[in-house]
N, C-alpha and C. Protein backbone atom coordinates (compact mmCIF):
# COMPACT_ATOMS: atom_id res chain seq x y z
N MET A 1 146.44 37.44 120.04
CA MET A 1 146.66 38.53 121.16
C MET A 1 145.60 38.75 122.21
N ALA A 2 146.10 38.82 123.47
CA ALA A 2 144.81 38.93 124.56
C ALA A 2 144.11 40.33 124.31
N LYS A 3 142.95 40.29 124.72
CA LYS A 3 142.54 41.67 124.75
C LYS A 3 142.63 42.30 125.96
N THR A 4 142.80 43.59 125.81
CA THR A 4 143.25 44.52 126.99
C THR A 4 141.98 44.97 127.58
N ILE A 5 141.65 44.83 128.93
CA ILE A 5 140.63 45.58 129.89
C ILE A 5 141.21 46.50 131.04
N LEU A 6 140.65 47.44 131.00
CA LEU A 6 141.18 48.60 131.95
C LEU A 6 140.10 48.28 132.97
N ALA A 7 140.64 48.08 134.24
CA ALA A 7 139.58 48.18 135.41
C ALA A 7 139.88 49.24 136.23
N VAL A 8 138.84 50.03 136.32
CA VAL A 8 138.97 51.59 137.30
C VAL A 8 138.36 51.18 138.56
N ASP A 9 138.84 51.01 139.79
CA ASP A 9 138.16 50.68 140.86
C ASP A 9 139.12 51.49 142.34
N ASP A 10 138.55 52.19 143.17
CA ASP A 10 139.31 52.76 144.16
C ASP A 10 139.60 51.64 145.43
N SER A 11 138.55 50.50 145.25
CA SER A 11 138.82 49.49 146.03
C SER A 11 139.97 48.54 145.63
N THR A 12 140.83 48.08 146.42
CA THR A 12 141.88 47.37 145.83
C THR A 12 141.39 45.95 145.95
N SER A 13 140.51 45.50 146.81
CA SER A 13 139.89 44.02 146.84
C SER A 13 139.17 44.00 145.70
N ILE A 14 138.40 44.88 145.19
CA ILE A 14 137.54 44.80 143.92
C ILE A 14 138.38 44.74 142.69
N ARG A 15 139.43 45.67 142.70
CA ARG A 15 140.38 45.54 141.45
C ARG A 15 140.81 44.06 141.24
N GLN A 16 141.50 43.59 142.63
CA GLN A 16 142.07 42.32 142.36
C GLN A 16 141.26 41.29 141.99
N MET A 17 139.81 41.30 142.33
CA MET A 17 138.87 40.18 142.08
C MET A 17 138.35 40.19 140.74
N VAL A 18 138.48 41.38 140.35
CA VAL A 18 137.84 41.68 138.83
C VAL A 18 139.25 41.27 137.89
N ALA A 19 140.60 41.56 138.33
CA ALA A 19 141.68 41.32 137.26
C ALA A 19 141.78 39.86 137.28
N PHE A 20 141.69 39.07 138.59
CA PHE A 20 142.02 37.75 138.76
C PHE A 20 140.97 36.92 137.89
N THR A 21 139.58 37.34 137.89
CA THR A 21 138.72 36.84 137.32
C THR A 21 138.72 36.96 135.56
N LEU A 22 139.32 38.22 134.93
CA LEU A 22 139.53 38.38 133.53
C LEU A 22 140.62 38.02 133.30
N LYS A 23 141.68 37.80 134.14
CA LYS A 23 143.11 37.21 133.84
C LYS A 23 142.99 35.77 133.72
N SER A 24 142.30 35.08 134.36
CA SER A 24 141.87 33.64 134.39
C SER A 24 140.90 33.08 133.17
N ALA A 25 140.44 34.01 132.45
CA ALA A 25 139.62 33.81 131.14
C ALA A 25 140.70 34.13 129.90
N GLY A 26 141.79 34.65 130.26
CA GLY A 26 142.69 34.78 129.17
C GLY A 26 142.81 36.30 128.59
N TYR A 27 142.08 37.38 129.40
CA TYR A 27 142.22 38.96 129.05
C TYR A 27 143.69 39.38 129.89
N ALA A 28 144.00 40.46 129.26
CA ALA A 28 145.13 41.29 129.84
C ALA A 28 144.32 42.49 130.54
N VAL A 29 145.00 42.75 131.92
CA VAL A 29 144.18 43.75 132.80
C VAL A 29 145.19 44.64 133.07
N ILE A 30 144.86 45.79 132.96
CA ILE A 30 145.46 47.14 133.38
C ILE A 30 144.57 47.74 134.53
N GLU A 31 145.21 48.03 135.82
CA GLU A 31 144.29 48.30 136.87
C GLU A 31 144.65 49.87 137.17
N ALA A 32 143.78 50.61 137.46
CA ALA A 32 143.65 52.10 137.93
C ALA A 32 142.92 52.29 139.27
N ALA A 33 143.48 52.91 140.23
CA ALA A 33 142.63 53.39 141.62
C ALA A 33 141.66 54.24 141.57
N ASP A 34 141.50 55.26 140.38
CA ASP A 34 140.66 56.11 140.31
C ASP A 34 140.34 56.61 138.94
N GLY A 35 139.40 57.60 138.78
CA GLY A 35 139.23 58.08 137.45
C GLY A 35 140.37 58.74 136.60
N GLN A 36 140.93 59.73 137.27
CA GLN A 36 142.20 60.32 136.82
C GLN A 36 143.53 59.34 136.27
N GLU A 37 143.60 58.43 137.08
CA GLU A 37 144.67 57.21 136.76
C GLU A 37 144.15 56.60 135.84
N GLY A 38 142.92 56.00 135.81
CA GLY A 38 142.07 55.29 134.70
C GLY A 38 142.37 56.25 133.34
N LEU A 39 142.34 57.56 133.19
CA LEU A 39 142.10 58.51 131.94
C LEU A 39 143.33 58.21 131.53
N ASP A 40 144.54 58.49 132.69
CA ASP A 40 146.06 58.64 132.21
C ASP A 40 146.47 57.25 131.80
N LYS A 41 145.86 55.87 132.08
CA LYS A 41 146.38 54.88 131.62
C LYS A 41 145.66 54.44 130.47
N ALA A 42 144.51 54.66 130.15
CA ALA A 42 144.09 54.47 128.93
C ALA A 42 144.53 55.33 127.63
N GLY A 43 144.94 56.55 127.78
CA GLY A 43 145.69 57.48 126.77
C GLY A 43 147.25 56.77 126.63
N ALA A 44 147.50 55.89 127.59
CA ALA A 44 148.99 55.37 127.15
C ALA A 44 148.89 53.97 126.48
N ASN A 45 147.80 53.38 126.55
CA ASN A 45 147.77 51.90 126.47
C ASN A 45 146.44 51.70 125.28
N ALA A 46 146.58 50.61 124.47
CA ALA A 46 145.56 50.19 123.74
C ALA A 46 144.56 49.28 124.42
N ILE A 47 143.66 49.99 124.95
CA ILE A 47 142.42 49.33 125.44
C ILE A 47 141.30 49.08 124.42
N ASP A 48 140.78 47.53 125.13
CA ASP A 48 139.41 47.03 124.24
C ASP A 48 138.30 47.17 124.99
N LEU A 49 138.44 47.56 126.33
CA LEU A 49 137.08 47.35 127.08
C LEU A 49 137.69 48.17 128.36
N ILE A 50 136.68 49.05 128.97
CA ILE A 50 137.02 49.48 130.33
C ILE A 50 135.51 49.11 131.14
N LEU A 51 136.23 49.14 132.29
CA LEU A 51 135.55 48.86 133.41
C LEU A 51 135.40 49.90 134.65
N THR A 52 134.33 50.33 134.84
CA THR A 52 134.73 51.69 135.91
C THR A 52 133.87 51.62 136.95
N ASP A 53 134.03 51.99 138.27
CA ASP A 53 133.26 52.41 139.34
C ASP A 53 132.56 53.72 139.22
N GLN A 54 131.84 53.92 139.97
CA GLN A 54 131.11 55.39 139.95
C GLN A 54 131.78 56.20 141.04
N ASN A 55 131.83 55.35 142.24
CA ASN A 55 132.14 56.57 143.62
C ASN A 55 133.69 56.54 143.78
N MET A 56 134.44 57.31 143.38
CA MET A 56 136.06 57.29 143.51
C MET A 56 136.38 58.87 144.03
N PRO A 57 137.51 58.67 144.54
CA PRO A 57 138.27 59.93 144.46
C PRO A 57 138.70 60.39 143.20
N ARG A 58 139.28 61.86 143.21
CA ARG A 58 139.97 62.62 142.00
C ARG A 58 138.88 62.68 140.80
N MET A 59 138.29 61.80 140.50
CA MET A 59 137.38 61.80 139.08
C MET A 59 136.30 60.49 139.33
N ASP A 60 135.13 61.04 139.31
CA ASP A 60 134.00 59.58 139.30
C ASP A 60 134.07 58.73 137.97
N GLY A 61 133.31 57.84 138.05
CA GLY A 61 133.00 57.18 136.97
C GLY A 61 132.41 57.92 135.82
N LEU A 62 131.30 58.61 135.97
CA LEU A 62 130.68 59.49 134.92
C LEU A 62 131.62 60.36 134.59
N ALA A 63 132.41 61.00 135.19
CA ALA A 63 133.43 62.14 134.57
C ALA A 63 134.39 61.27 133.86
N LEU A 64 134.71 60.13 134.34
CA LEU A 64 135.88 59.31 133.24
C LEU A 64 135.36 58.88 132.03
N ILE A 65 133.81 58.71 131.92
CA ILE A 65 133.35 58.00 130.87
C ILE A 65 133.11 59.00 129.83
N LYS A 66 132.81 60.43 130.54
CA LYS A 66 132.64 61.67 129.42
C LYS A 66 134.07 61.94 129.06
N ALA A 67 135.11 61.82 129.92
CA ALA A 67 136.37 62.36 129.19
C ALA A 67 136.92 61.45 128.26
N LEU A 68 136.73 60.11 128.38
CA LEU A 68 136.90 59.17 127.47
C LEU A 68 136.30 59.21 126.00
N ARG A 69 135.07 59.65 126.12
CA ARG A 69 134.09 59.50 125.16
C ARG A 69 134.36 61.01 124.26
N ALA A 70 135.22 61.75 124.95
CA ALA A 70 135.76 63.01 124.04
C ALA A 70 136.95 62.81 123.51
N LEU A 71 137.70 61.61 123.69
CA LEU A 71 138.79 61.29 122.73
C LEU A 71 138.39 60.35 121.77
N PRO A 72 138.93 60.70 120.54
CA PRO A 72 138.78 59.75 119.29
C PRO A 72 138.97 58.46 119.43
N GLN A 73 139.87 57.94 120.07
CA GLN A 73 140.11 56.68 120.02
C GLN A 73 139.36 55.76 121.15
N PHE A 74 138.38 56.70 121.82
CA PHE A 74 137.50 56.16 122.77
C PHE A 74 135.75 56.03 122.60
N VAL A 75 135.71 56.58 121.26
CA VAL A 75 134.45 56.85 121.01
C VAL A 75 133.15 55.90 120.81
N SER A 76 134.12 54.77 120.23
CA SER A 76 133.10 53.27 120.32
C SER A 76 133.91 52.43 121.31
N THR A 77 134.91 52.72 121.94
CA THR A 77 135.13 51.55 122.84
C THR A 77 134.26 51.20 123.86
N PRO A 78 133.78 49.97 124.05
CA PRO A 78 132.77 49.68 125.36
C PRO A 78 133.27 50.11 126.86
N ILE A 79 132.44 50.56 127.43
CA ILE A 79 132.56 51.27 128.92
C ILE A 79 131.51 50.58 129.56
N LEU A 80 131.97 49.82 130.58
CA LEU A 80 131.00 49.25 131.46
C LEU A 80 131.07 49.52 132.97
N MET A 81 130.15 49.95 133.36
CA MET A 81 129.66 50.60 135.13
C MET A 81 129.91 49.22 135.65
N LEU A 82 130.81 49.29 136.76
CA LEU A 82 130.63 48.10 137.69
C LEU A 82 130.70 48.97 139.35
N THR A 83 129.26 48.96 139.77
CA THR A 83 129.39 49.90 140.79
C THR A 83 128.02 49.34 141.68
N THR A 84 128.23 49.81 142.83
CA THR A 84 127.19 49.37 143.89
C THR A 84 125.68 50.34 143.31
N GLU A 85 125.94 51.53 142.77
CA GLU A 85 124.74 52.12 142.19
C GLU A 85 123.92 51.50 141.28
N SER A 86 122.80 51.26 141.88
CA SER A 86 121.65 50.94 141.07
C SER A 86 120.46 51.17 140.46
N SER A 87 120.35 52.71 141.19
CA SER A 87 119.18 53.38 140.61
C SER A 87 119.03 53.68 139.12
N ASP A 88 117.88 53.64 138.89
CA ASP A 88 117.33 54.35 137.45
C ASP A 88 118.09 55.61 137.00
N ASP A 89 118.15 56.40 137.99
CA ASP A 89 118.52 57.95 137.51
C ASP A 89 119.99 57.56 137.24
N MET A 90 120.52 56.98 138.01
CA MET A 90 122.40 56.66 137.91
C MET A 90 122.29 56.18 136.61
N LYS A 91 121.43 55.15 136.25
CA LYS A 91 121.82 54.44 135.20
C LYS A 91 121.58 55.07 134.01
N ASN A 92 120.61 55.90 134.14
CA ASN A 92 120.30 56.70 133.01
C ASN A 92 121.42 58.00 132.87
N GLN A 93 121.99 58.48 133.91
CA GLN A 93 123.14 59.40 133.67
C GLN A 93 124.27 58.43 132.98
N GLY A 94 124.47 57.34 133.20
CA GLY A 94 125.56 56.81 132.77
C GLY A 94 125.48 56.47 131.38
N ARG A 95 123.93 56.08 130.93
CA ARG A 95 123.72 55.97 129.25
C ARG A 95 124.15 57.38 128.76
N ALA A 96 123.76 58.60 129.41
CA ALA A 96 123.62 59.84 129.12
C ALA A 96 125.44 60.12 128.42
N ALA A 97 126.18 59.53 129.62
CA ALA A 97 127.55 59.62 129.51
C ALA A 97 128.40 59.21 128.66
N GLY A 98 127.61 57.85 128.22
CA GLY A 98 128.02 57.01 127.15
C GLY A 98 128.58 55.74 127.44
N ALA A 99 128.06 55.16 128.82
CA ALA A 99 128.36 53.91 129.33
C ALA A 99 127.65 52.85 128.18
N THR A 100 128.51 51.78 127.81
CA THR A 100 127.70 50.62 127.29
C THR A 100 126.77 49.75 127.82
N GLY A 101 127.19 49.33 129.29
CA GLY A 101 126.60 48.36 130.10
C GLY A 101 126.81 48.81 131.35
N TRP A 102 126.05 48.22 132.16
CA TRP A 102 125.75 48.35 133.70
C TRP A 102 125.87 46.98 134.71
N LEU A 103 126.83 46.97 135.62
CA LEU A 103 126.78 45.69 136.47
C LEU A 103 126.94 46.08 137.93
N VAL A 104 126.33 45.67 138.66
CA VAL A 104 126.23 46.00 140.26
C VAL A 104 126.86 45.07 140.95
N LYS A 105 127.66 45.65 141.69
CA LYS A 105 128.27 45.03 143.18
C LYS A 105 127.68 44.50 144.03
N PRO A 106 128.12 43.62 144.66
CA PRO A 106 129.04 42.81 144.34
C PRO A 106 128.81 41.74 143.08
N PHE A 107 129.44 41.58 142.40
CA PHE A 107 129.57 40.96 141.01
C PHE A 107 129.49 39.39 141.02
N ASP A 108 128.80 38.60 140.39
CA ASP A 108 129.15 37.14 139.80
C ASP A 108 130.11 37.15 139.00
N PRO A 109 131.27 36.58 139.30
CA PRO A 109 132.55 36.34 138.05
C PRO A 109 132.03 35.89 137.14
N HIS A 110 131.04 34.78 136.98
CA HIS A 110 130.65 34.04 135.83
C HIS A 110 129.79 34.98 134.71
N LYS A 111 129.00 36.03 135.58
CA LYS A 111 128.23 37.16 134.84
C LYS A 111 129.09 38.05 134.05
N LEU A 112 130.03 38.39 134.98
CA LEU A 112 131.03 39.50 134.44
C LEU A 112 131.86 38.71 133.44
N LEU A 113 132.34 37.71 133.25
CA LEU A 113 132.67 37.22 131.94
C LEU A 113 131.53 36.91 130.80
N GLU A 114 130.48 36.73 131.32
CA GLU A 114 129.49 36.49 130.21
C GLU A 114 129.51 37.80 129.38
N VAL A 115 129.24 38.81 130.49
CA VAL A 115 129.27 40.15 129.66
C VAL A 115 130.54 40.79 128.95
N VAL A 116 131.53 40.44 129.31
CA VAL A 116 132.75 41.00 128.58
C VAL A 116 132.85 40.28 127.42
N LYS A 117 132.43 38.77 127.37
CA LYS A 117 132.58 38.08 126.22
C LYS A 117 131.42 38.63 125.10
N LYS A 118 130.38 38.89 125.37
CA LYS A 118 129.18 39.46 124.61
C LYS A 118 129.75 40.73 124.11
N VAL A 119 130.65 41.61 124.97
CA VAL A 119 130.76 42.86 124.57
C VAL A 119 132.18 42.99 123.55
N ILE A 120 133.17 42.39 123.96
CA ILE A 120 134.34 42.33 123.34
C ILE A 120 134.98 40.85 122.52
N GLY A 121 134.14 39.82 122.97
CA GLY A 121 134.61 38.36 122.23
C GLY A 121 135.51 37.85 123.58
């Protein structure tokens, strides 16, 4: 059975590129347009990995990570930030919130798959 990845980003084109890249490697992908929708979809599905942007309406990536980490089923689920934010301060905030790793946009599809494989196989 394919591993399921939740891709959360307010940019439709980024979500489409992420979904295409992951689906072509055999992963199942669920898309969400912001943190609140991501939280709702995470709670309704079995998720193996979450990829989230930082800057989104309704709920940003850090708030999403904190909300997910507060739920028992997501305490150890890998969560990767995929964002244009690359400052050390923002990365430290991500780690403190519970992010497993950090990828900077624009992303290299091969690098994304490499990281995903390393994290969930």
